[in-house]
């Protein structure tokens, strides 16, 4: 019977090295993926600002990163999204939708209807500057976990 470490120590060391390299490789592959795997992932950092805009009320419906140009047909959203408070054009926005009962008095920078069952918080992408909160009775288009607009 041969003891570990006697006879051919290079085989034992090679086996241990192979296990260590394999584990390090698998760990490296999983560490690279730190987002949700969707194009909307950058907007999840906007959730605290969006929640503040609706004063913590409502249920989160969805989050979407959108180009302002794609919002032209979405009632009310384009007017809010295309210009920053500083008067500069905006290229991309984060849209965060909440369902519930909302009034213009109960949200920050209200736009659109005086009340509604859907509040879409429009934030400037990269910076999370609030551009407005648009109230709708019904969503102008499909709005789910990761889709809004055309």
C-alpha atoms as a PDB file:
ATOM      1  CA  UNK A   1       0.000   0.000   0.000  1.00  0.00           C
ATOM      2  CA  UNK A   2       1.350   3.402  -0.996  1.00  0.00           C
ATOM      3  CA  UNK A   3       0.956   6.408   1.276  1.00  0.00           C
ATOM      4  CA  UNK A   4      -0.104   9.771  -0.113  1.00  0.00           C
ATOM      5  CA  UNK A   5       2.958  11.800  -0.755  1.00  0.00           C
ATOM      6  CA  UNK A   6       5.254   8.830  -1.210  1.00  0.00           C
ATOM      7  CA  UNK A   7       6.307   7.263  -4.449  1.00  0.00           C
ATOM      8  CA  UNK A   8       5.073   9.746  -7.070  1.00  0.00           C
ATOM      9  CA  UNK A   9       4.361  13.073  -5.363  1.00  0.00           C
ATOM     10  CA  UNK A  10       4.022  14.892  -8.693  1.00  0.00           C
ATOM     11  CA  UNK A  11       0.805  12.970  -9.513  1.00  0.00           C
ATOM     12  CA  UNK A  12      -0.786  13.952  -6.229  1.00  0.00           C
ATOM     13  CA  UNK A  13       0.249  17.571  -6.678  1.00  0.00           C
ATOM     14  CA  UNK A  14      -0.965  17.587 -10.298  1.00  0.00           C
ATOM     15  CA  UNK A  15      -4.368  16.292  -9.165  1.00  0.00           C
ATOM     16  CA  UNK A  16      -4.691  18.962  -6.480  1.00  0.00           C
ATOM     17  CA  UNK A  17      -3.582  21.633  -8.942  1.00  0.00           C
ATOM     18  CA  UNK A  18      -6.193  20.468 -11.480  1.00  0.00           C
ATOM     19  CA  UNK A  19      -8.966  20.724  -8.871  1.00  0.00           C
ATOM     20  CA  UNK A  20      -7.834  24.215  -7.792  1.00  0.00           C
ATOM     21  CA  UNK A  21      -7.603  25.470 -11.389  1.00  0.00           C
ATOM     22  CA  UNK A  22     -11.039  24.014 -12.206  1.00  0.00           C
ATOM     23  CA  UNK A  23     -12.641  25.664  -9.175  1.00  0.00           C
ATOM     24  CA  UNK A  24     -10.994  29.012  -9.943  1.00  0.00           C
ATOM     25  CA  UNK A  25     -12.205  28.827 -13.559  1.00  0.00           C
ATOM     26  CA  UNK A  26     -15.804  28.157 -12.536  1.00  0.00           C
ATOM     27  CA  UNK A  27     -15.729  30.931  -9.949  1.00  0.00           C
ATOM     28  CA  UNK A  28     -14.361  33.385 -12.517  1.00  0.00           C
ATOM     29  CA  UNK A  29     -17.147  32.572 -14.970  1.00  0.00           C
ATOM     30  CA  UNK A  30     -19.904  33.224 -12.483  1.00  0.00           C
ATOM     31  CA  UNK A  31     -18.386  36.377 -11.008  1.00  0.00           C
ATOM     32  CA  UNK A  32     -18.491  38.183 -14.356  1.00  0.00           C
ATOM     33  CA  UNK A  33     -22.328  38.100 -14.453  1.00  0.00           C
ATOM     34  CA  UNK A  34     -23.397  40.653 -11.870  1.00  0.00           C
ATOM     35  CA  UNK A  35     -26.533  42.023 -13.562  1.00  0.00           C
ATOM     36  CA  UNK A  36     -29.980  40.661 -14.377  1.00  0.00           C
ATOM     37  CA  UNK A  37     -29.025  39.777 -17.928  1.00  0.00           C
ATOM     38  CA  UNK A  38     -31.440  42.230 -19.530  1.00  0.00           C
ATOM     39  CA  UNK A  39     -30.938  45.468 -21.386  1.00  0.00           C
ATOM     40  CA  UNK A  40     -32.920  47.166 -18.616  1.00  0.00           C
ATOM     41  CA  UNK A  41     -30.457  46.283 -15.845  1.00  0.00           C
ATOM     42  CA  UNK A  42     -28.852  49.761 -15.718  1.00  0.00           C
ATOM     43  CA  UNK A  43     -32.211  51.214 -14.665  1.00  0.00           C
ATOM     44  CA  UNK A  44     -32.546  49.129 -11.529  1.00  0.00           C
ATOM     45  CA  UNK A  45     -30.285  51.647  -9.761  1.00  0.00           C
ATOM     46  CA  UNK A  46     -33.065  54.186 -10.414  1.00  0.00           C
ATOM     47  CA  UNK A  47     -35.551  52.318  -8.208  1.00  0.00           C
ATOM     48  CA  UNK A  48     -34.898  54.343  -5.021  1.00  0.00           C
ATOM     49  CA  UNK A  49     -35.414  57.651  -6.861  1.00  0.00           C
ATOM     50  CA  UNK A  50     -38.535  56.294  -8.564  1.00  0.00           C
ATOM     51  CA  UNK A  51     -39.953  54.984  -5.292  1.00  0.00           C
ATOM     52  CA  UNK A  52     -39.355  58.421  -3.761  1.00  0.00           C
ATOM     53  CA  UNK A  53     -41.205  60.118  -6.666  1.00  0.00           C
ATOM     54  CA  UNK A  54     -44.371  58.138  -5.826  1.00  0.00           C
ATOM     55  CA  UNK A  55     -43.793  58.600  -2.074  1.00  0.00           C
ATOM     56  CA  UNK A  56     -43.337  54.861  -1.549  1.00  0.00           C
ATOM     57  CA  UNK A  57     -46.830  53.987  -2.747  1.00  0.00           C
ATOM     58  CA  UNK A  58     -47.925  51.477  -5.361  1.00  0.00           C
ATOM     59  CA  UNK A  59     -46.666  48.127  -6.576  1.00  0.00           C
ATOM     60  CA  UNK A  60     -43.721  47.942  -8.970  1.00  0.00           C
ATOM     61  CA  UNK A  61     -44.926  46.875 -12.424  1.00  0.00           C
ATOM     62  CA  UNK A  62     -41.743  47.150 -14.480  1.00  0.00           C
ATOM     63  CA  UNK A  63     -38.531  48.918 -15.361  1.00  0.00           C
ATOM     64  CA  UNK A  64     -37.379  49.839 -18.841  1.00  0.00           C
ATOM     65  CA  UNK A  65     -34.426  51.638 -20.417  1.00  0.00           C
ATOM     66  CA  UNK A  66     -35.733  53.476 -23.483  1.00  0.00           C
ATOM     67  CA  UNK A  67     -34.440  55.840 -26.098  1.00  0.00           C
ATOM     68  CA  UNK A  68     -36.465  59.033 -26.116  1.00  0.00           C
ATOM     69  CA  UNK A  69     -37.150  58.577 -29.829  1.00  0.00           C
ATOM     70  CA  UNK A  70     -38.968  55.303 -29.127  1.00  0.00           C
ATOM     71  CA  UNK A  71     -41.462  57.176 -26.926  1.00  0.00           C
ATOM     72  CA  UNK A  72     -42.901  59.427 -29.650  1.00  0.00           C
ATOM     73  CA  UNK A  73     -46.071  57.333 -29.885  1.00  0.00           C
ATOM     74  CA  UNK A  74     -46.401  56.779 -26.121  1.00  0.00           C
ATOM     75  CA  UNK A  75     -48.932  59.359 -24.949  1.00  0.00           C
ATOM     76  CA  UNK A  76     -47.416  61.847 -22.547  1.00  0.00           C
ATOM     77  CA  UNK A  77     -44.035  60.191 -22.078  1.00  0.00           C
ATOM     78  CA  UNK A  78     -42.193  61.869 -24.953  1.00  0.00           C
ATOM     79  CA  UNK A  79     -43.172  65.378 -23.795  1.00  0.00           C
ATOM     80  CA  UNK A  80     -41.726  64.635 -20.361  1.00  0.00           C
ATOM     81  CA  UNK A  81     -38.619  62.759 -21.501  1.00  0.00           C
ATOM     82  CA  UNK A  82     -37.089  64.688 -24.382  1.00  0.00           C
ATOM     83  CA  UNK A  83     -35.606  67.681 -22.484  1.00  0.00           C
ATOM     84  CA  UNK A  84     -33.730  67.771 -19.171  1.00  0.00           C
ATOM     85  CA  UNK A  85     -34.478  70.399 -16.496  1.00  0.00           C
ATOM     86  CA  UNK A  86     -31.344  72.223 -17.709  1.00  0.00           C
ATOM     87  CA  UNK A  87     -32.869  72.467 -21.205  1.00  0.00           C
ATOM     88  CA  UNK A  88     -30.533  69.934 -22.821  1.00  0.00           C
ATOM     89  CA  UNK A  89     -31.817  67.142 -25.069  1.00  0.00           C
ATOM     90  CA  UNK A  90     -32.118  63.724 -23.425  1.00  0.00           C
ATOM     91  CA  UNK A  91     -31.178  60.576 -25.355  1.00  0.00           C
ATOM     92  CA  UNK A  92     -32.213  57.781 -22.956  1.00  0.00           C
ATOM     93  CA  UNK A  93     -34.511  57.499 -19.980  1.00  0.00           C
ATOM     94  CA  UNK A  94     -35.388  54.953 -17.343  1.00  0.00           C
ATOM     95  CA  UNK A  95     -39.111  54.320 -17.045  1.00  0.00           C
ATOM     96  CA  UNK A  96     -40.321  52.827 -13.779  1.00  0.00           C
ATOM     97  CA  UNK A  97     -44.008  51.960 -13.530  1.00  0.00           C
ATOM     98  CA  UNK A  98     -46.084  51.510 -10.391  1.00  0.00           C
ATOM     99  CA  UNK A  99     -49.703  50.396 -10.143  1.00  0.00           C
ATOM    100  CA  UNK A 100     -52.089  51.650  -7.483  1.00  0.00           C
ATOM    101  CA  UNK A 101     -54.166  54.784  -7.089  1.00  0.00           C
ATOM    102  CA  UNK A 102     -52.235  57.989  -7.677  1.00  0.00           C
ATOM    103  CA  UNK A 103     -53.172  61.657  -7.709  1.00  0.00           C
ATOM    104  CA  UNK A 104     -51.179  64.617  -8.967  1.00  0.00           C
ATOM    105  CA  UNK A 105     -50.851  65.848  -5.385  1.00  0.00           C
ATOM    106  CA  UNK A 106     -49.370  62.508  -4.293  1.00  0.00           C
ATOM    107  CA  UNK A 107     -46.416  62.285  -6.703  1.00  0.00           C
ATOM    108  CA  UNK A 108     -43.383  64.384  -7.555  1.00  0.00           C
ATOM    109  CA  UNK A 109     -43.521  66.493 -10.758  1.00  0.00           C
ATOM    110  CA  UNK A 110     -46.914  65.184 -11.942  1.00  0.00           C
ATOM    111  CA  UNK A 111     -47.747  65.154 -15.647  1.00  0.00           C
ATOM    112  CA  UNK A 112     -50.750  63.966 -17.604  1.00  0.00           C
ATOM    113  CA  UNK A 113     -54.022  63.120 -15.894  1.00  0.00           C
ATOM    114  CA  UNK A 114     -54.962  64.460 -12.434  1.00  0.00           C
ATOM    115  CA  UNK A 115     -55.251  60.858 -11.191  1.00  0.00           C
ATOM    116  CA  UNK A 116     -54.724  57.344 -12.429  1.00  0.00           C
ATOM    117  CA  UNK A 117     -54.003  53.713 -11.660  1.00  0.00           C
ATOM    118  CA  UNK A 118     -50.536  53.734 -13.220  1.00  0.00           C
ATOM    119  CA  UNK A 119     -47.682  56.108 -12.420  1.00  0.00           C
ATOM    120  CA  UNK A 120     -44.704  56.019 -14.779  1.00  0.00           C
ATOM    121  CA  UNK A 121     -41.685  57.732 -13.286  1.00  0.00           C
ATOM    122  CA  UNK A 122     -39.386  59.119 -15.992  1.00  0.00           C
ATOM    123  CA  UNK A 123     -35.752  59.490 -14.946  1.00  0.00           C
ATOM    124  CA  UNK A 124     -32.822  60.657 -17.037  1.00  0.00           C
ATOM    125  CA  UNK A 125     -30.521  57.713 -17.746  1.00  0.00           C
ATOM    126  CA  UNK A 126     -27.194  58.096 -15.975  1.00  0.00           C
ATOM    127  CA  UNK A 127     -27.836  60.491 -13.189  1.00  0.00           C
ATOM    128  CA  UNK A 128     -31.401  59.533 -12.275  1.00  0.00           C
ATOM    129  CA  UNK A 129     -32.639  63.124 -12.553  1.00  0.00           C
ATOM    130  CA  UNK A 130     -36.414  63.103 -12.234  1.00  0.00           C
ATOM    131  CA  UNK A 131     -38.016  64.403 -15.433  1.00  0.00           C
ATOM    132  CA  UNK A 132     -41.601  63.796 -14.352  1.00  0.00           C
ATOM    133  CA  UNK A 133     -44.209  61.319 -13.163  1.00  0.00           C
ATOM    134  CA  UNK A 134     -46.878  60.608 -15.763  1.00  0.00           C
ATOM    135  CA  UNK A 135     -50.246  59.370 -14.521  1.00  0.00           C
ATOM    136  CA  UNK A 136     -52.365  57.064 -16.672  1.00  0.00           C
ATOM    137  CA  UNK A 137     -55.652  55.287 -16.190  1.00  0.00           C
ATOM    138  CA  UNK A 138     -54.357  52.485 -18.419  1.00  0.00           C
ATOM    139  CA  UNK A 139     -50.869  51.913 -19.794  1.00  0.00           C
ATOM    140  CA  UNK A 140     -50.485  53.437 -23.269  1.00  0.00           C
ATOM    141  CA  UNK A 141     -48.669  50.266 -24.373  1.00  0.00           C
ATOM    142  CA  UNK A 142     -47.665  46.940 -22.866  1.00  0.00           C
ATOM    143  CA  UNK A 143     -45.616  47.437 -19.716  1.00  0.00           C
ATOM    144  CA  UNK A 144     -44.180  44.437 -17.986  1.00  0.00           C
ATOM    145  CA  UNK A 145     -41.009  43.263 -16.324  1.00  0.00           C
ATOM    146  CA  UNK A 146     -38.809  44.267 -19.206  1.00  0.00           C
ATOM    147  CA  UNK A 147     -40.848  45.766 -22.020  1.00  0.00           C
ATOM    148  CA  UNK A 148     -42.413  49.117 -22.712  1.00  0.00           C
ATOM    149  CA  UNK A 149     -43.144  50.900 -25.929  1.00  0.00           C
ATOM    150  CA  UNK A 150     -42.701  49.932 -29.550  1.00  0.00           C
END
